[in-house]
């Protein structure tokens, strides 16, 4: 079917275009926020109804689904958002692009499902939990790909709508599972929600007349993007691992309270990045931060998030003890320091998205690897001396290296 969205003029960066990007970013952020709240409510309900052991297995399998998505589906979604946007604005058929990426998603889904089974069994999951774990891993991967494709088609309102609909569906099915005391099936509601989103938002193609959009370089672009997302998100997760390894059990528990509230802030930058890649992909200045519009975007986002994150840090002494009565007061200092690192990490996602829009997946990956190496080394050196603060310092410095690298790369692009 042919997408009704009109083609944009290459290189155009006018007020209407910036307004459209801003509204799309807002809708994409709302959609991610709704899905995040739904996932949080699932864990809260499971813990209260079925107990700590089931909650532990559920949380572990949900974390596995997020990590598995980094190994291909997330990168495939980023690749689709860029390639489909270029085809749409150039009035080319994207059938070949969808075919290549669609086949890659089928293959990756089969592989990830096969890997999930022994992992879930090793964690002591019941057969029902294993089925649910496979469903969540596959469904979340398909969701990431379909979401990226729809943003490539400039359909942020549709993404936000289906994010809301499928979140409500998942919560409704969870209530039914709890009412039936179907403990082994607690992951299936989320799996169904993600799968329904993927079916509803799967790219059907923009069969415009003329030559098809070439597929050369698609897989290579995605592979470099896999390296980028694994190392950038991996450094963030490594802070918690560092705390568990270098600190006492009590100190690690206190840090976990700060970590669980600080990390969702990075979703803001990820949501904006998903919109920026297709929005700038067709423009002559894609991949550069030298243009006035791109520079204002980076600076404005940095200033805006500094205010928001600053308010969160300022109010930490009030809301942390409410959320975590036992650890909250002790975690205030950890949260405030961690928010600085999360802010640097989040700001770096914007120039990285502009580079991805210009097709510079390899440069983004290498910058991310450099930041990861520096951060990991600092964690190893400072962790035994400074405890949990050493891990946060490594994350902060590593994210700063990544930020500086992508900004310098963006300034060098004309």
Protein backbone atom coordinates (compact mmCIF):
# COMPACT_ATOMS: atom_id res chain seq x y z
CA UNK A 1 0.00 0.00 0.00
CA UNK A 2 1.14 3.53 -0.65
CA UNK A 3 1.81 5.80 2.28
CA UNK A 4 -0.19 9.04 2.08
CA UNK A 5 2.48 11.15 3.77
CA UNK A 6 3.74 13.83 1.37
CA UNK A 7 7.40 13.89 0.50
CA UNK A 8 9.51 16.50 2.22
CA UNK A 9 11.86 18.77 0.38
CA UNK A 10 15.45 17.55 0.82
CA UNK A 11 17.46 19.87 3.01
CA UNK A 12 14.46 21.76 4.28
CA UNK A 13 14.71 22.69 7.94
CA UNK A 14 11.89 25.17 8.47
CA UNK A 15 9.70 26.00 11.45
CA UNK A 16 6.96 23.61 10.36
CA UNK A 17 9.48 20.79 10.04
CA UNK A 18 10.90 21.43 13.50
CA UNK A 19 7.37 21.55 14.92
CA UNK A 20 6.56 18.21 13.29
CA UNK A 21 9.74 16.63 14.70
CA UNK A 22 8.89 18.00 18.16
CA UNK A 23 5.33 16.64 18.06
CA UNK A 24 6.54 13.26 16.78
CA UNK A 25 9.17 13.11 19.53
CA UNK A 26 6.52 13.91 22.15
CA UNK A 27 4.19 11.20 20.86
CA UNK A 28 7.04 8.66 20.64
CA UNK A 29 8.05 9.48 24.22
CA UNK A 30 4.46 9.12 25.42
CA UNK A 31 4.23 5.74 23.70
CA UNK A 32 7.43 4.46 25.29
CA UNK A 33 6.27 5.84 28.63
CA UNK A 34 2.95 3.99 28.41
CA UNK A 35 4.72 0.73 27.60
CA UNK A 36 7.17 1.32 30.45
CA UNK A 37 4.35 1.93 32.93
CA UNK A 38 2.58 -1.22 31.75
CA UNK A 39 5.74 -3.29 32.26
CA UNK A 40 6.23 -1.76 35.72
CA UNK A 41 2.63 -2.53 36.69
CA UNK A 42 3.06 -6.12 35.51
CA UNK A 43 6.02 -6.62 37.87
CA UNK A 44 4.20 -4.91 40.77
CA UNK A 45 1.05 -7.04 40.32
CA UNK A 46 3.02 -10.28 39.85
CA UNK A 47 5.05 -9.60 42.99
CA UNK A 48 1.99 -8.85 45.11
CA UNK A 49 -0.16 -11.72 43.80
CA UNK A 50 2.33 -14.54 43.21
CA UNK A 51 5.25 -13.68 45.50
CA UNK A 52 8.95 -12.96 45.37
CA UNK A 53 10.13 -16.09 43.52
CA UNK A 54 7.74 -15.57 40.60
CA UNK A 55 8.62 -11.88 40.54
CA UNK A 56 12.32 -12.74 40.32
CA UNK A 57 11.78 -15.10 37.36
CA UNK A 58 9.49 -12.61 35.64
CA UNK A 59 11.94 -9.72 36.03
CA UNK A 60 14.86 -11.83 34.83
CA UNK A 61 13.01 -12.95 31.69
CA UNK A 62 11.89 -9.37 30.97
CA UNK A 63 15.51 -8.25 31.24
CA UNK A 64 16.49 -11.06 28.89
CA UNK A 65 13.97 -9.79 26.33
CA UNK A 66 15.46 -6.28 26.44
CA UNK A 67 19.01 -7.60 26.09
CA UNK A 68 18.04 -9.97 23.28
CA UNK A 69 16.48 -7.08 21.37
CA UNK A 70 19.85 -5.30 21.42
CA UNK A 71 21.42 -8.21 19.53
CA UNK A 72 19.43 -7.51 16.33
CA UNK A 73 15.76 -6.34 16.50
CA UNK A 74 16.60 -2.92 17.94
CA UNK A 75 19.22 -2.28 15.26
CA UNK A 76 16.89 -3.61 12.55
CA UNK A 77 14.26 -1.12 13.71
CA UNK A 78 16.75 1.76 13.55
CA UNK A 79 17.81 0.62 10.08
CA UNK A 80 14.20 0.38 8.93
CA UNK A 81 13.39 3.87 10.24
CA UNK A 82 16.19 5.37 8.14
CA UNK A 83 15.79 3.27 4.98
CA UNK A 84 12.01 3.55 4.82
CA UNK A 85 12.15 7.31 5.39
CA UNK A 86 14.61 7.73 2.52
CA UNK A 87 12.43 5.60 0.23
CA UNK A 88 9.31 7.52 1.21
CA UNK A 89 10.79 10.98 0.67
CA UNK A 90 12.46 9.87 -2.58
CA UNK A 91 9.19 8.34 -3.85
CA UNK A 92 10.82 4.93 -4.31
CA UNK A 93 9.41 1.48 -3.65
CA UNK A 94 10.59 0.05 -0.32
CA UNK A 95 9.45 -3.52 -1.05
CA UNK A 96 13.02 -4.82 -1.31
CA UNK A 97 14.04 -3.09 1.93
CA UNK A 98 11.09 -4.58 3.79
CA UNK A 99 11.82 -8.01 2.35
CA UNK A 100 15.48 -8.02 3.46
CA UNK A 101 14.79 -6.68 6.94
CA UNK A 102 11.68 -8.86 7.34
CA UNK A 103 13.66 -12.01 6.57
CA UNK A 104 16.37 -10.93 9.01
CA UNK A 105 13.71 -10.51 11.71
CA UNK A 106 12.29 -13.99 11.09
CA UNK A 107 15.76 -15.54 11.33
CA UNK A 108 16.68 -13.57 14.47
CA UNK A 109 13.35 -14.45 16.12
CA UNK A 110 13.96 -18.17 15.59
CA UNK A 111 17.52 -17.92 16.93
CA UNK A 112 16.57 -15.83 19.98
CA UNK A 113 13.65 -18.15 20.77
CA UNK A 114 15.96 -21.16 20.63
CA UNK A 115 18.46 -19.48 22.98
CA UNK A 116 15.75 -18.40 25.44
CA UNK A 117 14.60 -21.95 26.20
CA UNK A 118 17.83 -23.29 27.80
CA UNK A 119 18.45 -19.97 29.57
CA UNK A 120 14.97 -19.99 31.13
CA UNK A 121 15.30 -23.65 32.13
CA UNK A 122 18.68 -22.93 33.72
CA UNK A 123 16.99 -20.25 35.82
CA UNK A 124 14.53 -22.83 37.10
CA UNK A 125 11.51 -21.58 35.16
CA UNK A 126 8.45 -23.81 34.84
CA UNK A 127 7.29 -24.94 31.37
CA UNK A 128 4.63 -22.23 31.35
CA UNK A 129 7.18 -19.56 32.27
CA UNK A 130 9.49 -20.85 29.54
CA UNK A 131 6.72 -20.44 26.96
CA UNK A 132 5.98 -16.96 28.28
CA UNK A 133 9.68 -16.07 28.23
CA UNK A 134 10.01 -17.15 24.60
CA UNK A 135 6.88 -15.18 23.76
CA UNK A 136 8.20 -12.00 25.39
CA UNK A 137 11.65 -12.28 23.78
CA UNK A 138 10.21 -12.81 20.30
CA UNK A 139 7.30 -10.39 20.74
CA UNK A 140 9.44 -7.57 22.12
CA UNK A 141 11.93 -7.98 19.28
CA UNK A 142 9.16 -7.78 16.67
CA UNK A 143 7.76 -4.76 18.52
CA UNK A 144 11.10 -2.91 18.34
CA UNK A 145 11.37 -3.55 14.60
CA UNK A 146 7.76 -2.61 13.76
CA UNK A 147 7.99 0.53 15.89
CA UNK A 148 11.10 1.71 14.08
CA UNK A 149 9.48 1.04 10.71
CA UNK A 150 6.36 3.06 11.55
CA UNK A 151 8.48 5.99 12.72
CA UNK A 152 10.30 5.74 9.39
CA UNK A 153 6.91 6.22 7.73
CA UNK A 154 6.41 9.30 9.96
CA UNK A 155 3.49 7.72 11.79
CA UNK A 156 4.19 8.69 15.40
CA UNK A 157 0.46 9.12 16.18
CA UNK A 158 -0.19 5.55 15.05
CA UNK A 159 2.72 4.30 17.18
CA UNK A 160 1.43 6.11 20.27
CA UNK A 161 -2.10 4.78 19.68
CA UNK A 162 -1.02 1.15 19.39
CA UNK A 163 1.38 1.53 22.32
CA UNK A 164 -1.63 2.55 24.43
CA UNK A 165 -4.02 -0.06 23.04
CA UNK A 166 -1.61 -2.98 23.46
CA UNK A 167 -0.54 -1.85 26.94
CA UNK A 168 -4.17 -1.86 28.07
CA UNK A 169 -4.66 -5.24 26.41
CA UNK A 170 -1.66 -6.68 28.26
CA UNK A 171 -2.85 -5.33 31.61
CA UNK A 172 -6.36 -6.70 31.00
CA UNK A 173 -4.98 -10.16 30.21
CA UNK A 174 -2.75 -9.98 33.30
CA UNK A 175 -5.78 -9.28 35.51
CA UNK A 176 -7.48 -12.33 33.99
CA UNK A 177 -4.40 -14.49 34.63
CA UNK A 178 -4.24 -13.31 38.24
CA UNK A 179 -7.96 -13.94 38.77
CA UNK A 180 -7.50 -17.48 37.45
CA UNK A 181 -4.35 -17.91 39.58
CA UNK A 182 -2.54 -18.93 36.40
CA UNK A 183 0.94 -18.26 37.77
CA UNK A 184 2.87 -19.92 34.90
CA UNK A 185 1.17 -17.65 32.36
CA UNK A 186 2.02 -14.25 33.85
CA UNK A 187 4.39 -13.34 30.98
CA UNK A 188 1.96 -14.19 28.19
CA UNK A 189 -0.07 -10.94 28.52
CA UNK A 190 3.00 -8.85 27.66
CA UNK A 191 3.95 -11.27 24.90
CA UNK A 192 0.48 -10.95 23.38
CA UNK A 193 0.58 -7.15 23.65
CA UNK A 194 3.94 -6.87 21.89
CA UNK A 195 2.89 -9.32 19.19
CA UNK A 196 -0.40 -7.52 18.50
CA UNK A 197 1.53 -4.25 18.13
CA UNK A 198 3.92 -5.91 15.66
CA UNK A 199 1.07 -7.33 13.57
CA UNK A 200 -0.82 -4.02 13.52
CA UNK A 201 2.27 -1.93 12.73
CA UNK A 202 4.28 -4.29 10.53
CA UNK A 203 5.52 -2.36 7.46
CA UNK A 204 3.31 -3.24 4.49
CA UNK A 205 5.39 -1.29 2.01
CA UNK A 206 5.30 1.96 0.08
CA UNK A 207 5.04 0.65 -3.48
CA UNK A 208 5.70 3.94 -5.20
CA UNK A 209 6.36 3.94 -8.95
CA UNK A 210 9.91 4.15 -10.16
CA UNK A 211 13.11 2.38 -9.18
CA UNK A 212 13.19 0.53 -5.85
CA UNK A 213 15.24 1.73 -2.90
CA UNK A 214 18.59 -0.15 -2.97
CA UNK A 215 19.31 -2.63 -0.20
CA UNK A 216 23.10 -2.59 -0.40
CA UNK A 217 24.63 -1.80 2.96
CA UNK A 218 21.47 -2.44 5.02
CA UNK A 219 22.87 -5.41 6.94
CA UNK A 220 26.23 -3.73 7.50
CA UNK A 221 24.54 -0.59 8.82
CA UNK A 222 22.48 -2.70 11.22
CA UNK A 223 25.48 -4.72 12.41
CA UNK A 224 27.41 -1.59 13.35
CA UNK A 225 24.29 -0.34 15.09
CA UNK A 226 24.16 -3.56 17.13
CA UNK A 227 27.66 -2.82 18.41
CA UNK A 228 26.67 0.76 19.25
CA UNK A 229 23.52 -0.06 21.23
CA UNK A 230 25.11 -2.99 23.08
CA UNK A 231 28.11 -0.97 24.25
CA UNK A 232 26.21 2.24 25.08
CA UNK A 233 23.41 0.51 27.00
CA UNK A 234 25.88 -2.04 28.34
CA UNK A 235 27.91 0.64 30.11
CA UNK A 236 24.78 1.81 31.90
CA UNK A 237 23.99 -1.73 33.07
CA UNK A 238 27.61 -2.25 34.07
CA UNK A 239 27.26 0.35 36.83
CA UNK A 240 24.84 -1.94 38.69
CA UNK A 241 27.10 -4.94 38.16
CA UNK A 242 30.05 -2.93 39.47
CA UNK A 243 28.07 -2.07 42.60
CA UNK A 244 27.23 -5.72 43.21
CA UNK A 245 30.86 -6.78 42.79
CA UNK A 246 32.72 -4.04 44.65
CA UNK A 247 30.30 -3.02 47.42
CA UNK A 248 28.61 -4.76 50.32
CA UNK A 249 25.19 -6.32 49.83
CA UNK A 250 23.57 -3.44 51.72
CA UNK A 251 25.37 -0.77 49.69
CA UNK A 252 24.44 -2.56 46.45
CA UNK A 253 20.81 -2.68 47.57
CA UNK A 254 20.81 1.04 48.30
CA UNK A 255 22.40 1.75 44.91
CA UNK A 256 19.77 -0.42 43.21
CA UNK A 257 17.08 1.88 44.59
CA UNK A 258 18.79 4.85 42.90
CA UNK A 259 19.52 2.88 39.73
CA UNK A 260 15.92 1.78 39.11
CA UNK A 261 14.71 5.38 39.27
CA UNK A 262 17.55 6.99 37.31
CA UNK A 263 17.77 4.70 34.30
CA UNK A 264 14.26 5.35 32.89
CA UNK A 265 15.33 8.95 32.28
CA UNK A 266 17.45 7.75 29.35
CA UNK A 267 14.24 6.72 27.57
CA UNK A 268 13.66 10.38 26.71
CA UNK A 269 16.77 10.51 24.53
CA UNK A 270 16.04 7.10 23.00
CA UNK A 271 12.53 8.21 22.02
CA UNK A 272 13.84 11.41 20.43
CA UNK A 273 16.58 9.47 18.62
CA UNK A 274 13.99 7.14 17.08
CA UNK A 275 12.26 10.17 15.58
CA UNK A 276 15.39 12.05 14.50
CA UNK A 277 16.86 9.21 12.42
CA UNK A 278 14.01 9.12 9.87
CA UNK A 279 13.34 12.86 10.13
CA UNK A 280 16.89 13.81 9.09
CA UNK A 281 17.71 10.80 6.90
CA UNK A 282 16.51 12.40 3.65
CA UNK A 283 18.09 15.79 4.28
CA UNK A 284 21.28 16.95 2.68
CA UNK A 285 22.71 17.83 6.11
CA UNK A 286 21.87 14.49 7.71
CA UNK A 287 24.77 13.36 9.89
CA UNK A 288 26.02 16.86 10.66
CA UNK A 289 25.50 19.14 13.65
CA UNK A 290 26.99 22.12 11.84
CA UNK A 291 23.65 23.39 10.56
CA UNK A 292 21.84 25.95 12.69
CA UNK A 293 18.79 23.72 13.12
CA UNK A 294 20.77 20.67 14.24
CA UNK A 295 22.95 22.71 16.60
CA UNK A 296 19.91 24.33 18.19
CA UNK A 297 18.32 20.92 18.57
CA UNK A 298 21.33 19.48 20.41
CA UNK A 299 21.83 22.53 22.62
CA UNK A 300 18.10 22.92 23.32
CA UNK A 301 17.71 19.25 24.22
CA UNK A 302 20.76 19.41 26.50
CA UNK A 303 19.41 22.49 28.28
CA UNK A 304 15.87 21.12 28.58
CA UNK A 305 16.94 17.77 29.97
CA UNK A 306 19.38 19.49 32.35
CA UNK A 307 16.45 21.34 33.88
CA UNK A 308 14.25 18.22 34.09
CA UNK A 309 16.99 15.99 35.47
CA UNK A 310 18.06 18.75 37.84
CA UNK A 311 14.55 18.95 39.29
CA UNK A 312 14.52 15.17 39.74
CA UNK A 313 17.85 15.33 41.59
CA UNK A 314 16.66 18.25 43.70
CA UNK A 315 13.48 16.45 44.77
CA UNK A 316 15.20 13.10 45.35
CA UNK A 317 15.30 13.65 49.11
CA UNK A 318 11.51 13.89 49.10
CA UNK A 319 10.31 11.12 46.76
CA UNK A 320 12.98 8.41 47.20
CA UNK A 321 11.98 7.59 50.82
CA UNK A 322 8.36 7.38 49.64
CA UNK A 323 9.16 4.84 46.92
CA UNK A 324 11.76 2.87 48.92
CA UNK A 325 11.10 3.42 52.64
CA UNK A 326 14.00 1.19 53.72
CA UNK A 327 16.72 2.39 51.32
CA UNK A 328 15.42 5.72 49.98
CA UNK A 329 17.12 8.17 52.35
CA UNK A 330 20.52 6.52 51.93
CA UNK A 331 20.14 6.40 48.13
CA UNK A 332 19.62 10.14 47.61
CA UNK A 333 23.32 10.93 47.08
CA UNK A 334 23.72 7.96 44.74
CA UNK A 335 20.72 9.04 42.65
CA UNK A 336 21.92 12.63 42.33
CA UNK A 337 25.37 11.58 41.14
CA UNK A 338 23.93 8.93 38.83
CA UNK A 339 21.57 11.48 37.26
CA UNK A 340 24.59 13.48 36.07
CA UNK A 341 25.88 10.44 34.21
CA UNK A 342 22.44 9.61 32.80
CA UNK A 343 22.12 13.21 31.57
CA UNK A 344 25.45 13.05 29.71
CA UNK A 345 24.48 9.64 28.28
CA UNK A 346 21.06 10.94 27.18
CA UNK A 347 22.43 14.09 25.53
CA UNK A 348 24.89 11.97 23.54
CA UNK A 349 22.00 10.04 21.95
CA UNK A 350 20.90 13.11 19.95
CA UNK A 351 24.08 13.82 17.90
CA UNK A 352 24.46 10.03 17.57
CA UNK A 353 20.98 9.87 16.01
CA UNK A 354 21.93 12.64 13.56
CA UNK A 355 25.02 10.66 12.54
CA UNK A 356 22.89 7.55 12.07
CA UNK A 357 20.53 9.59 9.91
CA UNK A 358 23.47 10.34 7.64
CA UNK A 359 24.37 6.65 7.43
CA UNK A 360 27.40 6.84 9.74
CA UNK A 361 26.59 3.74 11.78
CA UNK A 362 30.23 2.65 11.94
CA UNK A 363 31.43 5.95 13.42
CA UNK A 364 28.71 5.90 16.08
CA UNK A 365 29.65 2.33 17.01
CA UNK A 366 33.36 3.12 17.32
CA UNK A 367 32.63 6.19 19.46
CA UNK A 368 30.42 4.07 21.70
CA UNK A 369 33.09 1.37 22.00
CA UNK A 370 35.68 3.99 22.99
CA UNK A 371 33.40 5.32 25.73
CA UNK A 372 32.62 1.79 26.90
CA UNK A 373 36.31 0.85 27.19
CA UNK A 374 37.22 4.03 29.10
CA UNK A 375 34.24 3.67 31.42
CA UNK A 376 34.80 -0.03 32.10
CA UNK A 377 38.49 0.52 32.89
CA UNK A 378 37.63 3.29 35.36
CA UNK A 379 35.05 1.05 37.04
CA UNK A 380 37.68 -1.65 37.52
CA UNK A 381 40.21 0.84 38.90
CA UNK A 382 37.92 2.98 41.05
CA UNK A 383 35.39 0.36 42.18
CA UNK A 384 37.54 -1.25 44.90
CA UNK A 385 38.53 2.20 46.18
CA UNK A 386 35.37 4.28 45.87
CA UNK A 387 32.67 1.58 45.97
CA UNK A 388 29.42 2.37 44.14
CA UNK A 389 30.66 5.89 43.35
CA UNK A 390 33.48 4.32 41.31
CA UNK A 391 30.98 2.64 39.02
CA UNK A 392 29.04 5.86 38.54
CA UNK A 393 32.26 7.75 37.80
CA UNK A 394 33.18 5.22 35.12
CA UNK A 395 29.73 5.55 33.55
CA UNK A 396 29.90 9.36 33.65
CA UNK A 397 33.38 9.60 32.10
CA UNK A 398 32.66 6.91 29.50
CA UNK A 399 29.43 8.66 28.47
CA UNK A 400 31.33 11.97 28.27
CA UNK A 401 33.90 10.38 25.93
CA UNK A 402 31.08 9.10 23.74
CA UNK A 403 29.34 12.51 23.76
CA UNK A 404 32.49 14.40 22.79
CA UNK A 405 33.29 11.87 20.07
CA UNK A 406 29.89 12.03 18.36
CA UNK A 407 29.80 15.84 18.58
CA UNK A 408 33.26 16.11 17.00
CA UNK A 409 32.25 13.66 14.29
CA UNK A 410 29.06 15.61 13.68
CA UNK A 411 30.95 18.91 13.40
CA UNK A 412 33.28 17.40 10.83
CA UNK A 413 30.34 16.41 8.60
CA UNK A 414 29.15 19.06 6.14
